[in-house]
Amino acid sequence: MFWTLELASSLDDAPWPATKEELIDYATRTCAPDEVIENLEELDDESEIYESIEDIWPDYPTKEDFMWNEEEYYGLN
C-alpha cells in the first residue's frame, strides 16, 4: 500500500466513519484514481470502522505539519 497526498485527498469528503467496503464504494463513485481503490482493497479487516484517513495512513500529514509562525515571519510580537 502506497499513499501520497494526492491519493489521500481523494478521500477528503468520504463518509467518515466508514468501513472498507463503504470507502471502496465512495472511491469508485467519485472516480478516484485506481491506486486509491487498490490501496483500500489491501486493507485487512473487512468489518473495521475507519474514523479518518489517519486510521488508514498513520503518517498522513496534518495541518500542523505545514504551519508556519506568522508572527515570526512578519516580525510581529
C-alpha atoms as a PDB file:
ATOM      1  CA  MET A   1       0.000   0.000   0.000  1.00  0.00           C
ATOM      2  CA  PHE A   2       1.432   3.352  -1.062  1.00  0.00           C
ATOM      3  CA  TRP A   3      -0.225   6.683  -0.260  1.00  0.00           C
ATOM      4  CA  THR A   4       0.558  10.188  -1.430  1.00  0.00           C
ATOM      5  CA  LEU A   5      -1.141  13.456  -0.534  1.00  0.00           C
ATOM      6  CA  GLU A   6      -2.816  13.465  -3.936  1.00  0.00           C
ATOM      7  CA  LEU A   7      -4.219   9.959  -3.466  1.00  0.00           C
ATOM      8  CA  ALA A   8      -5.322  10.613   0.113  1.00  0.00           C
ATOM      9  CA  SER A   9      -7.057  13.835  -0.919  1.00  0.00           C
ATOM     10  CA  SER A  10      -9.439  11.676  -2.979  1.00  0.00           C
ATOM     11  CA  LEU A  11     -10.944  10.598   0.345  1.00  0.00           C
ATOM     12  CA  ASP A  12     -11.262  14.103   1.857  1.00  0.00           C
ATOM     13  CA  ASP A  13     -15.041  14.106   1.531  1.00  0.00           C
ATOM     14  CA  ALA A  14     -15.534  10.402   2.205  1.00  0.00           C
ATOM     15  CA  PRO A  15     -18.393   9.491   4.571  1.00  0.00           C
ATOM     16  CA  TRP A  16     -16.250   9.090   7.710  1.00  0.00           C
ATOM     17  CA  PRO A  17     -16.547   6.911   9.751  1.00  0.00           C
ATOM     18  CA  ALA A  18     -16.706   4.181   7.158  1.00  0.00           C
ATOM     19  CA  THR A  19     -15.933   0.526   6.536  1.00  0.00           C
ATOM     20  CA  LYS A  20     -13.535  -0.730   3.902  1.00  0.00           C
ATOM     21  CA  GLU A  21     -16.418  -1.506   1.536  1.00  0.00           C
ATOM     22  CA  GLU A  22     -18.004   1.913   2.038  1.00  0.00           C
ATOM     23  CA  LEU A  23     -14.708   3.607   1.230  1.00  0.00           C
ATOM     24  CA  ILE A  24     -14.205   1.480  -1.883  1.00  0.00           C
ATOM     25  CA  ASP A  25     -17.759   2.309  -2.968  1.00  0.00           C
ATOM     26  CA  TYR A  26     -17.143   6.025  -2.382  1.00  0.00           C
ATOM     27  CA  ALA A  27     -13.840   5.945  -4.280  1.00  0.00           C
ATOM     28  CA  THR A  28     -15.488   4.144  -7.185  1.00  0.00           C
ATOM     29  CA  ARG A  29     -18.456   6.535  -7.351  1.00  0.00           C
ATOM     30  CA  THR A  30     -16.205   9.614  -7.244  1.00  0.00           C
ATOM     31  CA  CYS A  31     -13.851   8.240  -9.918  1.00  0.00           C
ATOM     32  CA  ALA A  32     -10.857   8.254  -7.594  1.00  0.00           C
ATOM     33  CA  PRO A  33      -7.582   7.075  -9.130  1.00  0.00           C
ATOM     34  CA  ASP A  34      -7.219   3.306  -9.444  1.00  0.00           C
ATOM     35  CA  GLU A  35      -4.367   3.424  -6.922  1.00  0.00           C
ATOM     36  CA  VAL A  36      -6.774   4.638  -4.215  1.00  0.00           C
ATOM     37  CA  ILE A  37      -9.098   1.699  -4.797  1.00  0.00           C
ATOM     38  CA  GLU A  38      -6.155  -0.724  -4.892  1.00  0.00           C
ATOM     39  CA  ASN A  39      -4.865   0.675  -1.577  1.00  0.00           C
ATOM     40  CA  LEU A  40      -8.287   0.358   0.013  1.00  0.00           C
ATOM     41  CA  GLU A  41      -8.619  -3.235  -1.225  1.00  0.00           C
ATOM     42  CA  GLU A  42      -5.367  -4.044   0.615  1.00  0.00           C
ATOM     43  CA  LEU A  43      -6.852  -3.096   3.983  1.00  0.00           C
ATOM     44  CA  ASP A  44      -7.008  -6.157   6.223  1.00  0.00           C
ATOM     45  CA  ASP A  45     -10.188  -6.065   8.263  1.00  0.00           C
ATOM     46  CA  GLU A  46     -13.490  -6.043   6.363  1.00  0.00           C
ATOM     47  CA  SER A  47     -15.505  -5.090   9.457  1.00  0.00           C
ATOM     48  CA  GLU A  48     -13.232  -2.395  10.907  1.00  0.00           C
ATOM     49  CA  ILE A  49     -14.626   1.123  11.071  1.00  0.00           C
ATOM     50  CA  TYR A  50     -12.192   3.793   9.932  1.00  0.00           C
ATOM     51  CA  GLU A  51     -12.710   7.179  11.558  1.00  0.00           C
ATOM     52  CA  SER A  52     -10.461   9.167   9.199  1.00  0.00           C
ATOM     53  CA  ILE A  53      -7.628   8.890   6.709  1.00  0.00           C
ATOM     54  CA  GLU A  54      -5.214   8.792   9.676  1.00  0.00           C
ATOM     55  CA  ASP A  55      -6.598   5.327  10.540  1.00  0.00           C
ATOM     56  CA  ILE A  56      -5.619   4.131   7.069  1.00  0.00           C
ATOM     57  CA  TRP A  57      -2.403   6.140   6.609  1.00  0.00           C
ATOM     58  CA  PRO A  58      -0.917   6.845  10.061  1.00  0.00           C
ATOM     59  CA  ASP A  59       1.736   9.138   8.579  1.00  0.00           C
ATOM     60  CA  TYR A  60      -0.863  11.395   6.941  1.00  0.00           C
ATOM     61  CA  PRO A  61       0.428  14.960   7.301  1.00  0.00           C
ATOM     62  CA  THR A  62      -1.739  17.202   9.434  1.00  0.00           C
ATOM     63  CA  LYS A  63      -2.185  20.956   9.156  1.00  0.00           C
ATOM     64  CA  GLU A  64       0.359  21.397  11.944  1.00  0.00           C
ATOM     65  CA  ASP A  65       2.974  19.794   9.689  1.00  0.00           C
ATOM     66  CA  PHE A  66       2.543  22.705   7.278  1.00  0.00           C
ATOM     67  CA  MET A  67       2.002  25.520   9.769  1.00  0.00           C
ATOM     68  CA  TRP A  68       4.393  28.382   9.980  1.00  0.00           C
ATOM     69  CA  ASN A  69       4.604  31.100  12.536  1.00  0.00           C
ATOM     70  CA  GLU A  70       3.139  34.296  11.019  1.00  0.00           C
ATOM     71  CA  GLU A  71       4.445  36.409  13.889  1.00  0.00           C
ATOM     72  CA  GLU A  72       7.971  35.172  13.348  1.00  0.00           C
ATOM     73  CA  TYR A  73       7.718  35.554   9.568  1.00  0.00           C
ATOM     74  CA  TYR A  74       6.339  39.100   9.676  1.00  0.00           C
ATOM     75  CA  GLY A  75       8.380  40.149  12.698  1.00  0.00           C
ATOM     76  CA  LEU A  76       5.290  40.714  14.825  1.00  0.00           C
ATOM     77  CA  ASN A  77       5.402  40.313  18.589  1.00  0.00           C
END
